[in-house]
Amino acid sequence: MQAAIISVPSDSNINFLPLMYFLPHDLIERCPTLRSLPRCFGDIATSEKLVDVVMGDVFLKEIMDAVSALVFPHFGFGGWKEHYTGFFPVWQLSYALPLWAELLEEETGWGIQRLFTIPRSDVIPFFEPGFIRDITGRIVRRGIERENLQLILDAVREMPCDEDFEQWNTNVRTDFYRKWYHTRSKRVQAIKRDFVRYEQEQR
């Protein structure tokens, strides 16, 4: 007999609990709110206080930061996520929490409906780090393929300077504009004069 589907609003933080239970131990230890939540889903589901914690902004921020740190390395960009700013396109993509929750369920069946089938007293163990890395790599590749992101990633990889994506002016951006628009190039002015002279001679 198939288990009944529990209705959960699509914008509810509860949908991200499978991602929380998927995080490796060392990563979840850095997140005070996530660390404080029990590994027994039944304890959360039957506690109004714990449900309020899950529905709060602190939980959402921590789960977003943690999942982003988990998926970012699998995009193939150097360094850690902390080396980039929020204006970096891949940094923003790593925070697409609904996408990663959906892809994790597609890849493994580990979703919110699966949690509701676990006996209330069962404790959810931590997954093996190697398993987490393998699955995370697979869901990132699945996401890139499904959302047709490879061309975007290739374009971003050709512009490795993170300052290109910041909202304020920087020396790097100023230098780029100068080279692009030739504002400091006498050579371009000479070419322009030669071209004008060539046009005049042809008339």
C-alpha atoms as a PDB file:
ATOM      1  CA  MET A   1       0.000   0.000   0.000  1.00  0.00           C
ATOM      2  CA  GLN A   2       1.406   3.365  -1.060  1.00  0.00           C
ATOM      3  CA  ALA A   3       1.958   5.939   1.670  1.00  0.00           C
ATOM      4  CA  ALA A   4      -0.289   8.984   1.602  1.00  0.00           C
ATOM      5  CA  ILE A   5       1.284  12.183   0.301  1.00  0.00           C
ATOM      6  CA  ILE A   6       1.545  14.887   2.946  1.00  0.00           C
ATOM      7  CA  SER A   7       0.759  18.347   1.606  1.00  0.00           C
ATOM      8  CA  VAL A   8       3.535  20.844   2.326  1.00  0.00           C
ATOM      9  CA  PRO A   9       3.397  24.393   0.882  1.00  0.00           C
ATOM     10  CA  SER A  10       6.029  24.885  -1.804  1.00  0.00           C
ATOM     11  CA  ASP A  11       7.403  27.976  -0.046  1.00  0.00           C
ATOM     12  CA  SER A  12       7.772  26.271   3.341  1.00  0.00           C
ATOM     13  CA  ASN A  13      11.216  25.821   4.905  1.00  0.00           C
ATOM     14  CA  ILE A  14      10.108  22.317   5.842  1.00  0.00           C
ATOM     15  CA  ASN A  15      10.910  21.277   2.268  1.00  0.00           C
ATOM     16  CA  PHE A  16      14.597  21.876   3.042  1.00  0.00           C
ATOM     17  CA  LEU A  17      14.814  19.451   5.967  1.00  0.00           C
ATOM     18  CA  PRO A  18      15.988  16.600   3.686  1.00  0.00           C
ATOM     19  CA  LEU A  19      18.886  18.841   2.664  1.00  0.00           C
ATOM     20  CA  MET A  20      19.709  19.448   6.322  1.00  0.00           C
ATOM     21  CA  TYR A  21      19.823  15.714   7.048  1.00  0.00           C
ATOM     22  CA  PHE A  22      21.969  15.233   3.933  1.00  0.00           C
ATOM     23  CA  LEU A  23      24.708  17.631   5.140  1.00  0.00           C
ATOM     24  CA  PRO A  24      27.982  16.116   6.383  1.00  0.00           C
ATOM     25  CA  HIS A  25      28.718  16.230  10.091  1.00  0.00           C
ATOM     26  CA  ASP A  26      31.612  18.707   9.844  1.00  0.00           C
ATOM     27  CA  LEU A  27      29.504  21.183   7.868  1.00  0.00           C
ATOM     28  CA  ILE A  28      26.430  21.006  10.073  1.00  0.00           C
ATOM     29  CA  GLU A  29      28.620  21.530  13.149  1.00  0.00           C
ATOM     30  CA  ARG A  30      29.349  25.062  11.905  1.00  0.00           C
ATOM     31  CA  CYS A  31      25.647  25.964  11.954  1.00  0.00           C
ATOM     32  CA  PRO A  32      24.289  26.513  15.505  1.00  0.00           C
ATOM     33  CA  THR A  33      20.603  26.330  14.572  1.00  0.00           C
ATOM     34  CA  LEU A  34      20.956  23.276  12.327  1.00  0.00           C
ATOM     35  CA  ARG A  35      23.131  21.594  14.927  1.00  0.00           C
ATOM     36  CA  SER A  36      20.494  22.164  17.598  1.00  0.00           C
ATOM     37  CA  LEU A  37      17.754  20.361  15.661  1.00  0.00           C
ATOM     38  CA  PRO A  38      17.275  16.657  16.483  1.00  0.00           C
ATOM     39  CA  ARG A  39      18.246  13.938  14.030  1.00  0.00           C
ATOM     40  CA  CYS A  40      14.831  12.413  14.691  1.00  0.00           C
ATOM     41  CA  PHE A  41      12.380  13.929  12.217  1.00  0.00           C
ATOM     42  CA  GLY A  42       9.463  12.806  14.380  1.00  0.00           C
ATOM     43  CA  ASP A  43      10.678  15.071  17.188  1.00  0.00           C
ATOM     44  CA  ILE A  44      10.521  18.068  14.867  1.00  0.00           C
ATOM     45  CA  ALA A  45       7.187  17.149  13.294  1.00  0.00           C
ATOM     46  CA  THR A  46       5.485  16.837  16.672  1.00  0.00           C
ATOM     47  CA  SER A  47       6.986  19.945  18.285  1.00  0.00           C
ATOM     48  CA  GLU A  48       5.434  23.334  17.580  1.00  0.00           C
ATOM     49  CA  LYS A  49       8.533  25.018  18.990  1.00  0.00           C
ATOM     50  CA  LEU A  50      10.899  23.135  16.669  1.00  0.00           C
ATOM     51  CA  VAL A  51       8.634  23.718  13.681  1.00  0.00           C
ATOM     52  CA  ASP A  52       8.826  27.437  14.442  1.00  0.00           C
ATOM     53  CA  VAL A  53      12.632  27.160  14.435  1.00  0.00           C
ATOM     54  CA  VAL A  54      12.568  25.480  11.015  1.00  0.00           C
ATOM     55  CA  MET A  55      10.211  28.125   9.679  1.00  0.00           C
ATOM     56  CA  GLY A  56      12.456  30.944  10.906  1.00  0.00           C
ATOM     57  CA  ASP A  57      14.879  33.099   8.957  1.00  0.00           C
ATOM     58  CA  VAL A  58      17.915  31.872  10.910  1.00  0.00           C
ATOM     59  CA  PHE A  59      17.274  28.280   9.824  1.00  0.00           C
ATOM     60  CA  LEU A  60      16.820  29.427   6.232  1.00  0.00           C
ATOM     61  CA  LYS A  61      20.067  31.405   6.231  1.00  0.00           C
ATOM     62  CA  GLU A  62      22.067  28.553   7.724  1.00  0.00           C
ATOM     63  CA  ILE A  63      20.696  25.892   5.399  1.00  0.00           C
ATOM     64  CA  MET A  64      21.293  28.156   2.386  1.00  0.00           C
ATOM     65  CA  ASP A  65      24.893  28.859   3.422  1.00  0.00           C
ATOM     66  CA  ALA A  66      25.580  25.202   4.180  1.00  0.00           C
ATOM     67  CA  VAL A  67      24.110  23.808   0.962  1.00  0.00           C
ATOM     68  CA  SER A  68      25.863  26.505  -1.054  1.00  0.00           C
ATOM     69  CA  ALA A  69      29.188  25.501   0.495  1.00  0.00           C
ATOM     70  CA  LEU A  70      28.386  21.878  -0.351  1.00  0.00           C
ATOM     71  CA  VAL A  71      27.533  22.346  -4.030  1.00  0.00           C
ATOM     72  CA  PHE A  72      29.842  25.225  -5.019  1.00  0.00           C
ATOM     73  CA  PRO A  73      33.066  23.158  -5.397  1.00  0.00           C
ATOM     74  CA  HIS A  74      31.353  20.896  -7.929  1.00  0.00           C
ATOM     75  CA  PHE A  75      31.022  23.735 -10.460  1.00  0.00           C
ATOM     76  CA  GLY A  76      34.753  23.519 -11.081  1.00  0.00           C
ATOM     77  CA  PHE A  77      35.809  27.015 -10.022  1.00  0.00           C
ATOM     78  CA  GLY A  78      38.954  27.472  -7.974  1.00  0.00           C
ATOM     79  CA  GLY A  79      39.080  28.160  -4.275  1.00  0.00           C
ATOM     80  CA  TRP A  80      36.224  28.213  -1.818  1.00  0.00           C
ATOM     81  CA  LYS A  81      32.886  29.948  -2.070  1.00  0.00           C
ATOM     82  CA  GLU A  82      34.182  32.528   0.416  1.00  0.00           C
ATOM     83  CA  HIS A  83      36.705  33.708  -2.210  1.00  0.00           C
ATOM     84  CA  TYR A  84      33.836  35.130  -4.250  1.00  0.00           C
ATOM     85  CA  THR A  85      31.116  37.678  -3.581  1.00  0.00           C
ATOM     86  CA  GLY A  86      27.364  37.475  -3.920  1.00  0.00           C
ATOM     87  CA  PHE A  87      27.595  39.168  -7.319  1.00  0.00           C
ATOM     88  CA  PHE A  88      29.420  36.184  -8.808  1.00  0.00           C
ATOM     89  CA  PRO A  89      26.852  34.258 -10.937  1.00  0.00           C
ATOM     90  CA  VAL A  90      27.975  30.813  -9.769  1.00  0.00           C
ATOM     91  CA  TRP A  91      27.853  31.991  -6.151  1.00  0.00           C
ATOM     92  CA  GLN A  92      24.226  32.980  -6.698  1.00  0.00           C
ATOM     93  CA  LEU A  93      23.436  29.701  -8.439  1.00  0.00           C
ATOM     94  CA  SER A  94      24.841  27.735  -5.497  1.00  0.00           C
ATOM     95  CA  TYR A  95      22.152  29.359  -3.333  1.00  0.00           C
ATOM     96  CA  ALA A  96      19.276  28.010  -5.465  1.00  0.00           C
ATOM     97  CA  LEU A  97      17.959  25.943  -2.554  1.00  0.00           C
ATOM     98  CA  PRO A  98      14.677  24.733  -4.135  1.00  0.00           C
ATOM     99  CA  LEU A  99      16.647  23.454  -7.133  1.00  0.00           C
ATOM    100  CA  TRP A 100      19.042  21.389  -5.005  1.00  0.00           C
ATOM    101  CA  ALA A 101      16.217  19.996  -2.875  1.00  0.00           C
ATOM    102  CA  GLU A 102      14.363  18.923  -6.010  1.00  0.00           C
ATOM    103  CA  LEU A 103      17.435  17.413  -7.667  1.00  0.00           C
ATOM    104  CA  LEU A 104      18.425  15.536  -4.510  1.00  0.00           C
ATOM    105  CA  GLU A 105      14.984  13.926  -4.423  1.00  0.00           C
ATOM    106  CA  GLU A 106      15.150  13.086  -8.133  1.00  0.00           C
ATOM    107  CA  GLU A 107      18.588  11.513  -7.766  1.00  0.00           C
ATOM    108  CA  THR A 108      18.077   9.565  -4.535  1.00  0.00           C
ATOM    109  CA  GLY A 109      14.408   9.715  -3.522  1.00  0.00           C
ATOM    110  CA  TRP A 110      15.489  11.620  -0.398  1.00  0.00           C
ATOM    111  CA  GLY A 111      12.770  14.263  -0.115  1.00  0.00           C
ATOM    112  CA  ILE A 112      10.219  15.585   2.329  1.00  0.00           C
ATOM    113  CA  GLN A 113       7.720  12.811   1.553  1.00  0.00           C
ATOM    114  CA  ARG A 114      10.403  10.236   2.344  1.00  0.00           C
ATOM    115  CA  LEU A 115      10.914  11.839   5.763  1.00  0.00           C
ATOM    116  CA  PHE A 116       7.236  11.417   6.563  1.00  0.00           C
ATOM    117  CA  THR A 117       7.541   7.652   6.030  1.00  0.00           C
ATOM    118  CA  ILE A 118      10.285   7.266   8.642  1.00  0.00           C
ATOM    119  CA  PRO A 119       9.032   5.953  12.012  1.00  0.00           C
ATOM    120  CA  ARG A 120       8.744   8.819  14.477  1.00  0.00           C
ATOM    121  CA  SER A 121      11.301   7.407  16.901  1.00  0.00           C
ATOM    122  CA  ASP A 122      13.979   6.641  14.296  1.00  0.00           C
ATOM    123  CA  VAL A 123      17.182   8.676  14.371  1.00  0.00           C
ATOM    124  CA  ILE A 124      18.555   9.656  10.971  1.00  0.00           C
ATOM    125  CA  PRO A 125      22.291   8.849  10.854  1.00  0.00           C
ATOM    126  CA  PHE A 126      24.829  10.999   9.050  1.00  0.00           C
ATOM    127  CA  PHE A 127      25.612   9.897   5.522  1.00  0.00           C
ATOM    128  CA  GLU A 128      29.154   8.854   4.639  1.00  0.00           C
ATOM    129  CA  PRO A 129      31.256  11.811   3.355  1.00  0.00           C
ATOM    130  CA  GLY A 130      32.187   9.940   0.170  1.00  0.00           C
ATOM    131  CA  PHE A 131      28.533   9.247  -0.579  1.00  0.00           C
ATOM    132  CA  ILE A 132      27.650  12.908  -0.003  1.00  0.00           C
ATOM    133  CA  ARG A 133      30.405  14.097  -2.355  1.00  0.00           C
ATOM    134  CA  ASP A 134      29.350  11.634  -5.053  1.00  0.00           C
ATOM    135  CA  ILE A 135      25.667  12.505  -4.887  1.00  0.00           C
ATOM    136  CA  THR A 136      26.362  16.238  -4.707  1.00  0.00           C
ATOM    137  CA  GLY A 137      28.512  16.029  -7.818  1.00  0.00           C
ATOM    138  CA  ARG A 138      25.764  14.143  -9.602  1.00  0.00           C
ATOM    139  CA  ILE A 139      22.990  16.569  -8.713  1.00  0.00           C
ATOM    140  CA  VAL A 140      25.131  19.544  -9.746  1.00  0.00           C
ATOM    141  CA  ARG A 141      25.833  17.902 -13.115  1.00  0.00           C
ATOM    142  CA  ARG A 142      22.146  17.067 -13.445  1.00  0.00           C
ATOM    143  CA  GLY A 143      21.233  20.682 -12.686  1.00  0.00           C
ATOM    144  CA  ILE A 144      23.724  22.058 -15.212  1.00  0.00           C
ATOM    145  CA  GLU A 145      22.380  19.753 -17.899  1.00  0.00           C
ATOM    146  CA  ARG A 146      18.692  20.240 -17.101  1.00  0.00           C
ATOM    147  CA  GLU A 147      18.878  24.031 -16.842  1.00  0.00           C
ATOM    148  CA  ASN A 148      21.254  24.379 -19.845  1.00  0.00           C
ATOM    149  CA  LEU A 149      23.845  26.175 -17.726  1.00  0.00           C
ATOM    150  CA  GLN A 150      27.065  24.971 -19.348  1.00  0.00           C
ATOM    151  CA  LEU A 151      27.353  27.882 -21.789  1.00  0.00           C
ATOM    152  CA  ILE A 152      26.830  30.333 -18.933  1.00  0.00           C
ATOM    153  CA  LEU A 153      29.465  28.615 -16.811  1.00  0.00           C
ATOM    154  CA  ASP A 154      31.920  28.620 -19.714  1.00  0.00           C
ATOM    155  CA  ALA A 155      31.365  32.344 -20.241  1.00  0.00           C
ATOM    156  CA  VAL A 156      31.859  33.068 -16.553  1.00  0.00           C
ATOM    157  CA  ARG A 157      35.016  30.950 -16.506  1.00  0.00           C
ATOM    158  CA  GLU A 158      36.481  33.183 -19.222  1.00  0.00           C
ATOM    159  CA  MET A 159      35.952  36.177 -16.897  1.00  0.00           C
ATOM    160  CA  PRO A 160      37.576  34.902 -13.701  1.00  0.00           C
ATOM    161  CA  CYS A 161      37.863  38.320 -12.049  1.00  0.00           C
ATOM    162  CA  ASP A 162      35.126  38.419  -9.458  1.00  0.00           C
ATOM    163  CA  GLU A 163      35.230  42.211  -9.425  1.00  0.00           C
ATOM    164  CA  ASP A 164      33.539  42.181 -12.817  1.00  0.00           C
ATOM    165  CA  PHE A 165      30.321  41.314 -11.015  1.00  0.00           C
ATOM    166  CA  GLU A 166      30.442  43.831  -8.183  1.00  0.00           C
ATOM    167  CA  GLN A 167      28.125  46.836  -8.230  1.00  0.00           C
ATOM    168  CA  TRP A 168      30.768  49.448  -7.439  1.00  0.00           C
ATOM    169  CA  ASN A 169      33.630  50.759  -9.528  1.00  0.00           C
ATOM    170  CA  THR A 170      37.024  49.124  -8.959  1.00  0.00           C
ATOM    171  CA  ASN A 171      40.458  49.543 -10.507  1.00  0.00           C
ATOM    172  CA  VAL A 172      40.032  46.257 -12.349  1.00  0.00           C
ATOM    173  CA  ARG A 173      36.723  47.352 -13.843  1.00  0.00           C
ATOM    174  CA  THR A 174      38.104  50.795 -14.736  1.00  0.00           C
ATOM    175  CA  ASP A 175      41.090  49.231 -16.503  1.00  0.00           C
ATOM    176  CA  PHE A 176      38.771  46.889 -18.374  1.00  0.00           C
ATOM    177  CA  TYR A 177      36.620  49.760 -19.590  1.00  0.00           C
ATOM    178  CA  ARG A 178      39.709  51.705 -20.672  1.00  0.00           C
ATOM    179  CA  LYS A 179      40.957  48.765 -22.732  1.00  0.00           C
ATOM    180  CA  TRP A 180      37.506  47.998 -24.127  1.00  0.00           C
ATOM    181  CA  TYR A 181      36.707  51.569 -25.156  1.00  0.00           C
ATOM    182  CA  HIS A 182      40.346  52.511 -25.897  1.00  0.00           C
ATOM    183  CA  THR A 183      40.096  55.670 -23.825  1.00  0.00           C
ATOM    184  CA  ARG A 184      43.876  55.680 -23.282  1.00  0.00           C
ATOM    185  CA  SER A 185      45.032  54.354 -26.610  1.00  0.00           C
ATOM    186  CA  LYS A 186      46.794  56.746 -28.986  1.00  0.00           C
ATOM    187  CA  ARG A 187      47.020  53.878 -31.417  1.00  0.00           C
ATOM    188  CA  VAL A 188      43.283  53.812 -31.947  1.00  0.00           C
ATOM    189  CA  GLN A 189      43.238  57.543 -32.673  1.00  0.00           C
ATOM    190  CA  ALA A 190      45.995  57.094 -35.259  1.00  0.00           C
ATOM    191  CA  ILE A 191      44.127  54.273 -36.940  1.00  0.00           C
ATOM    192  CA  LYS A 192      41.031  56.423 -37.001  1.00  0.00           C
ATOM    193  CA  ARG A 193      42.903  59.311 -38.690  1.00  0.00           C
ATOM    194  CA  ASP A 194      44.457  56.932 -41.191  1.00  0.00           C
ATOM    195  CA  PHE A 195      41.041  55.514 -41.979  1.00  0.00           C
ATOM    196  CA  VAL A 196      39.615  59.007 -42.546  1.00  0.00           C
ATOM    197  CA  ARG A 197      42.582  59.877 -44.792  1.00  0.00           C
ATOM    198  CA  TYR A 198      42.045  56.628 -46.715  1.00  0.00           C
ATOM    199  CA  GLU A 199      38.370  57.483 -47.245  1.00  0.00           C
ATOM    200  CA  GLN A 200      39.287  60.940 -48.509  1.00  0.00           C
ATOM    201  CA  GLU A 201      41.833  59.538 -50.964  1.00  0.00           C
ATOM    202  CA  GLN A 202      39.244  57.130 -52.357  1.00  0.00           C
ATOM    203  CA  ARG A 203      36.787  59.897 -53.191  1.00  0.00           C
END
